[in-house]
Amino acid sequence: MGGCAGSRRRLLGSEGEETAPEPRPRLLDRQGALWKNAMGFCPLRGSEKRNLYPHLPMRPRPLKSTCQTHLPFSPCSPADSSSNLSLQERWTVFKGLLWYIVPLVLVYFAEYFINQGLFELLFFRNTSLTHAQQYRWYQMLYQAGVFVSRSSLRCCRIRFTWVLALLQCFNLAFLLVDVWLSFLPSIYLVFLIILYEGLLGGAAYVNTFHNIALEMSDEHREFAMAAACISDTLGISLSGLLALPLHDFLCHLS
């Protein structure tokens, strides 16, 4: 639902706005929302062991009923199985995960390099949209693509996520050349490319974790899923480090 909420927020923010928004009020609004969430979470922690509905009896759900055979993995495996792994076992599992971690890092690196370093430079003057509105439409279409592809696992499953990584890197190279040469005639072509970028990013994410859940044993699955979570963080961080100087360099050229 993150992509759906993000695309809705970007779309609403682009409507009726002709100038760049003041950053301080929006940052304060988001900071206030974070504090509200934190304050609302504190009383919920204390109510975990209380019966929120006193008129209904508290009946512990039998563990056997949660063991569904149609799942790709067994939910009845011991919860602390990953904590019993030795350092050598963890390293062996991690090396086996590189087949999935490296493509996901590349996907996130390429797409966030586009989002952080190129979106502001993909500006078209032959349209009624202002610069700020163009940027928000880019963000909305990206989030919409992510939402659709993350919800499409039952329709399309991709085993080789390396293909998605290569396609996303091609998107990065293509848009980088367009920023340099400005050869695309219409903003609607960029809209399609950015929507496609979001589709690739969401598909890479959901298929990576689905493949890990299918292929890892019950003993290693919890550790494998946790270790694979570094992929998006690493890709986003690397893209931010490189996008900042490149963005300034391209701005000086223009």
Protein backbone atom coordinates (compact mmCIF):
# COMPACT_ATOMS: atom_id res chain seq x y z
CA MET A 1 0.00 0.00 0.00
CA GLY A 2 3.05 2.26 0.25
CA GLY A 3 3.12 2.86 -3.51
CA CYS A 4 -0.61 3.62 -3.61
CA ALA A 5 -0.42 6.10 -0.75
CA GLY A 6 2.71 7.70 -2.17
CA SER A 7 1.24 8.14 -5.65
CA ARG A 8 -1.96 9.64 -4.20
CA ARG A 9 0.04 12.10 -2.09
CA ARG A 10 2.18 13.16 -5.05
CA LEU A 11 -0.86 13.60 -7.30
CA LEU A 12 -2.76 15.70 -4.77
CA GLY A 13 0.32 17.80 -4.18
CA SER A 14 0.63 18.61 -7.87
CA GLU A 15 -2.89 19.88 -8.38
CA GLY A 16 -3.44 23.62 -8.29
CA GLU A 17 0.13 24.50 -7.48
CA GLU A 18 1.86 26.87 -9.83
CA THR A 19 4.97 27.59 -7.83
CA ALA A 20 7.38 25.55 -5.81
CA PRO A 21 5.98 24.86 -2.33
CA GLU A 22 7.53 26.19 0.81
CA PRO A 23 9.55 23.27 2.23
CA ARG A 24 9.33 24.21 5.90
CA PRO A 25 5.52 23.83 6.41
CA ARG A 26 5.48 20.47 4.64
CA LEU A 27 8.43 19.18 6.62
CA LEU A 28 6.77 20.31 9.85
CA ASP A 29 3.54 18.58 8.81
CA ARG A 30 5.35 15.31 8.19
CA GLN A 31 7.32 15.65 11.42
CA GLY A 32 4.07 16.20 13.29
CA ALA A 33 2.58 13.09 11.69
CA LEU A 34 5.58 11.04 12.81
CA TRP A 35 5.20 12.26 16.39
CA LYS A 36 1.48 11.46 16.33
CA ASN A 37 2.23 7.93 15.18
CA ALA A 38 4.82 7.51 17.92
CA MET A 39 2.49 8.81 20.62
CA GLY A 40 -0.33 6.61 19.38
CA PHE A 41 1.88 3.53 19.38
CA CYS A 42 2.89 3.84 23.04
CA PRO A 43 -0.53 3.03 24.58
CA LEU A 44 -0.97 0.19 22.10
CA ARG A 45 2.13 -1.54 23.43
CA GLY A 46 0.66 -1.57 26.88
CA SER A 47 -2.60 -3.04 25.62
CA GLU A 48 -1.03 -6.03 23.87
CA LYS A 49 -1.85 -8.40 26.71
CA ARG A 50 -5.19 -6.86 27.61
CA ASN A 51 -8.50 -7.88 26.24
CA LEU A 52 -9.68 -4.86 24.24
CA TYR A 53 -13.19 -6.34 24.12
CA PRO A 54 -14.07 -7.42 27.70
CA HIS A 55 -17.45 -8.83 26.69
CA LEU A 56 -15.75 -11.39 24.43
CA PRO A 57 -13.80 -14.32 25.91
CA MET A 58 -10.10 -14.54 25.14
CA ARG A 59 -9.47 -17.89 23.53
CA PRO A 60 -5.94 -18.75 22.45
CA ARG A 61 -5.88 -19.77 18.83
CA PRO A 62 -4.53 -23.29 18.40
CA LEU A 63 -1.19 -23.43 16.64
CA LYS A 64 -2.34 -26.27 14.45
CA SER A 65 -4.87 -24.08 12.67
CA THR A 66 -2.16 -21.74 11.40
CA CYS A 67 -0.24 -24.51 9.65
CA GLN A 68 -1.54 -24.14 6.11
CA THR A 69 -0.15 -26.58 3.62
CA HIS A 70 -0.74 -24.35 0.59
CA LEU A 71 1.90 -21.82 1.70
CA PRO A 72 5.33 -21.98 0.00
CA PHE A 73 6.94 -22.39 3.42
CA SER A 74 5.88 -23.79 6.73
CA PRO A 75 4.63 -21.17 9.24
CA CYS A 76 5.04 -23.70 12.05
CA SER A 77 8.83 -23.68 11.97
CA PRO A 78 10.55 -22.63 15.21
CA ALA A 79 10.56 -18.86 15.61
CA ASP A 80 14.11 -18.75 16.95
CA SER A 81 15.66 -21.04 14.33
CA SER A 82 17.87 -18.28 12.89
CA SER A 83 19.31 -17.41 16.30
CA ASN A 84 20.82 -20.89 16.53
CA LEU A 85 22.88 -20.48 13.36
CA SER A 86 26.62 -20.28 13.75
CA LEU A 87 28.68 -17.51 12.17
CA GLN A 88 29.93 -19.91 9.51
CA GLU A 89 26.38 -20.96 8.65
CA ARG A 90 25.26 -17.34 8.39
CA TRP A 91 28.15 -16.52 6.07
CA THR A 92 27.34 -19.53 3.89
CA VAL A 93 23.68 -18.49 3.66
CA PHE A 94 24.65 -14.90 2.89
CA LYS A 95 26.96 -15.94 0.04
CA GLY A 96 24.10 -17.92 -1.46
CA LEU A 97 21.89 -14.84 -1.25
CA LEU A 98 24.21 -12.72 -3.38
CA TRP A 99 22.42 -14.05 -6.47
CA TYR A 100 19.37 -12.10 -5.25
CA ILE A 101 20.96 -9.27 -3.24
CA VAL A 102 23.20 -7.86 -5.99
CA PRO A 103 20.40 -7.47 -8.60
CA LEU A 104 18.12 -5.81 -6.05
CA VAL A 105 20.90 -3.40 -5.06
CA LEU A 106 21.40 -2.50 -8.73
CA VAL A 107 17.67 -2.00 -9.27
CA TYR A 108 17.35 0.36 -6.31
CA PHE A 109 20.57 2.14 -7.19
CA ALA A 110 19.40 2.84 -10.73
CA GLU A 111 15.85 3.89 -9.90
CA TYR A 112 16.77 6.15 -6.99
CA PHE A 113 19.60 7.63 -9.02
CA ILE A 114 16.92 8.60 -11.51
CA ASN A 115 14.55 9.84 -8.81
CA GLN A 116 17.10 11.85 -6.83
CA GLY A 117 19.47 13.01 -9.54
CA LEU A 118 17.54 13.31 -12.81
CA PHE A 119 13.88 14.08 -12.07
CA GLU A 120 14.48 17.79 -11.53
CA LEU A 121 16.53 18.00 -14.73
CA LEU A 122 13.90 16.35 -16.93
CA PHE A 123 12.13 19.64 -17.57
CA PHE A 124 9.97 20.32 -20.64
CA ARG A 125 8.93 23.82 -21.65
CA ASN A 126 6.45 22.77 -24.37
CA THR A 127 3.77 21.79 -21.85
CA SER A 128 1.28 23.53 -19.58
CA LEU A 129 2.77 21.88 -16.49
CA THR A 130 5.16 23.92 -14.38
CA HIS A 131 8.50 22.58 -13.26
CA ALA A 132 7.14 21.71 -9.81
CA GLN A 133 4.10 19.96 -11.30
CA GLN A 134 6.25 17.93 -13.69
CA TYR A 135 8.36 16.72 -10.79
CA ARG A 136 5.30 15.65 -8.82
CA TRP A 137 3.82 13.82 -11.79
CA TYR A 138 7.10 11.94 -12.12
CA GLN A 139 6.91 10.91 -8.49
CA MET A 140 3.25 9.92 -8.72
CA LEU A 141 3.77 7.75 -11.80
CA TYR A 142 6.78 6.06 -10.21
CA GLN A 143 4.81 5.21 -7.07
CA ALA A 144 1.87 3.98 -9.15
CA GLY A 145 4.16 1.63 -11.07
CA VAL A 146 5.63 0.29 -7.83
CA PHE A 147 2.17 -0.31 -6.39
CA VAL A 148 0.93 -2.22 -9.45
CA SER A 149 3.99 -4.43 -9.80
CA ARG A 150 4.19 -5.27 -6.10
CA SER A 151 0.58 -6.44 -6.31
CA SER A 152 1.14 -8.64 -9.39
CA LEU A 153 2.91 -11.62 -7.88
CA ARG A 154 0.00 -13.97 -8.51
CA CYS A 155 -0.14 -12.90 -12.15
CA CYS A 156 3.55 -12.84 -13.01
CA ARG A 157 6.49 -14.44 -11.20
CA ILE A 158 10.04 -13.72 -12.30
CA ARG A 159 12.78 -16.16 -11.41
CA PHE A 160 15.76 -14.31 -12.89
CA THR A 161 15.78 -10.86 -11.28
CA TRP A 162 19.06 -10.06 -13.03
CA VAL A 163 16.98 -9.22 -16.10
CA LEU A 164 15.12 -6.54 -14.12
CA ALA A 165 18.41 -5.09 -12.90
CA LEU A 166 19.77 -4.80 -16.44
CA LEU A 167 16.57 -3.17 -17.70
CA GLN A 168 16.61 -0.66 -14.85
CA CYS A 169 20.24 0.24 -15.53
CA PHE A 170 19.30 0.77 -19.18
CA ASN A 171 16.56 3.17 -18.03
CA LEU A 172 19.16 5.10 -16.04
CA ALA A 173 21.54 5.34 -18.99
CA PHE A 174 18.75 6.37 -21.37
CA LEU A 175 17.42 9.16 -19.15
CA LEU A 176 20.94 10.34 -18.35
CA VAL A 177 21.64 10.75 -22.05
CA ASP A 178 18.36 12.62 -22.48
CA VAL A 179 19.29 15.03 -19.68
CA TRP A 180 22.58 15.61 -21.48
CA LEU A 181 21.24 15.93 -25.04
CA SER A 182 17.50 16.68 -24.57
CA PHE A 183 16.40 14.54 -27.53
CA LEU A 184 12.99 13.39 -26.24
CA PRO A 185 10.32 15.58 -27.87
CA SER A 186 7.48 15.12 -25.37
CA ILE A 187 7.05 14.81 -21.63
CA TYR A 188 4.58 11.97 -22.16
CA LEU A 189 7.41 9.72 -23.31
CA VAL A 190 9.15 10.43 -20.02
CA PHE A 191 5.89 9.64 -18.20
CA LEU A 192 5.84 6.19 -19.80
CA ILE A 193 9.50 5.55 -18.98
CA ILE A 194 9.03 6.53 -15.34
CA LEU A 195 5.94 4.36 -15.01
CA TYR A 196 7.98 1.52 -16.49
CA GLU A 197 10.76 2.30 -14.01
CA GLY A 198 8.34 1.88 -11.11
CA LEU A 199 7.05 -1.40 -12.53
CA LEU A 200 10.58 -2.79 -12.72
CA GLY A 201 11.44 -1.67 -9.19
CA GLY A 202 8.33 -3.14 -7.58
CA ALA A 203 8.66 -6.40 -9.53
CA ALA A 204 12.29 -6.80 -8.50
CA TYR A 205 11.45 -6.26 -4.83
CA VAL A 206 8.49 -8.62 -4.54
CA ASN A 207 10.02 -11.39 -6.67
CA THR A 208 13.32 -11.28 -4.81
CA PHE A 209 11.74 -11.92 -1.43
CA HIS A 210 9.29 -14.44 -2.88
CA ASN A 211 12.12 -16.45 -4.42
CA ILE A 212 14.07 -16.36 -1.17
CA ALA A 213 11.02 -17.58 0.77
CA LEU A 214 10.57 -20.45 -1.67
CA GLU A 215 14.16 -21.61 -1.91
CA MET A 216 15.44 -21.26 1.64
CA SER A 217 14.98 -23.99 4.20
CA ASP A 218 12.91 -23.39 7.32
CA GLU A 219 16.07 -23.14 9.38
CA HIS A 220 17.66 -20.43 7.23
CA ARG A 221 14.62 -18.53 5.95
CA GLU A 222 14.30 -15.96 8.75
CA PHE A 223 17.97 -14.98 8.57
CA ALA A 224 17.89 -14.91 4.76
CA MET A 225 14.89 -12.59 4.63
CA ALA A 226 16.47 -10.25 7.18
CA ALA A 227 19.81 -10.21 5.39
CA ALA A 228 18.20 -9.43 2.03
CA CYS A 229 16.62 -6.30 3.53
CA ILE A 230 19.96 -4.50 3.25
CA SER A 231 19.62 -4.48 -0.55
CA ASP A 232 17.27 -1.53 -0.92
CA THR A 233 19.01 0.49 1.79
CA LEU A 234 22.42 -0.07 0.24
CA GLY A 235 21.21 0.77 -3.27
CA ILE A 236 19.43 3.95 -2.16
CA SER A 237 22.41 5.13 -0.10
CA LEU A 238 24.90 4.58 -2.94
CA SER A 239 22.64 6.34 -5.43
CA GLY A 240 22.29 9.33 -3.11
CA LEU A 241 26.05 9.64 -2.72
CA LEU A 242 26.61 9.65 -6.47
CA ALA A 243 23.49 11.57 -7.51
CA LEU A 244 24.36 14.67 -5.47
CA PRO A 245 27.65 15.56 -7.24
CA LEU A 246 26.35 14.46 -10.65
CA HIS A 247 23.22 16.59 -10.27
CA ASP A 248 25.36 19.66 -9.50
CA PHE A 249 27.63 18.86 -12.42
CA LEU A 250 24.73 18.62 -14.87
CA CYS A 251 23.24 21.84 -13.51
CA HIS A 252 26.49 23.69 -14.18
CA LEU A 253 26.56 22.35 -17.73
CA SER A 254 23.07 23.62 -18.44
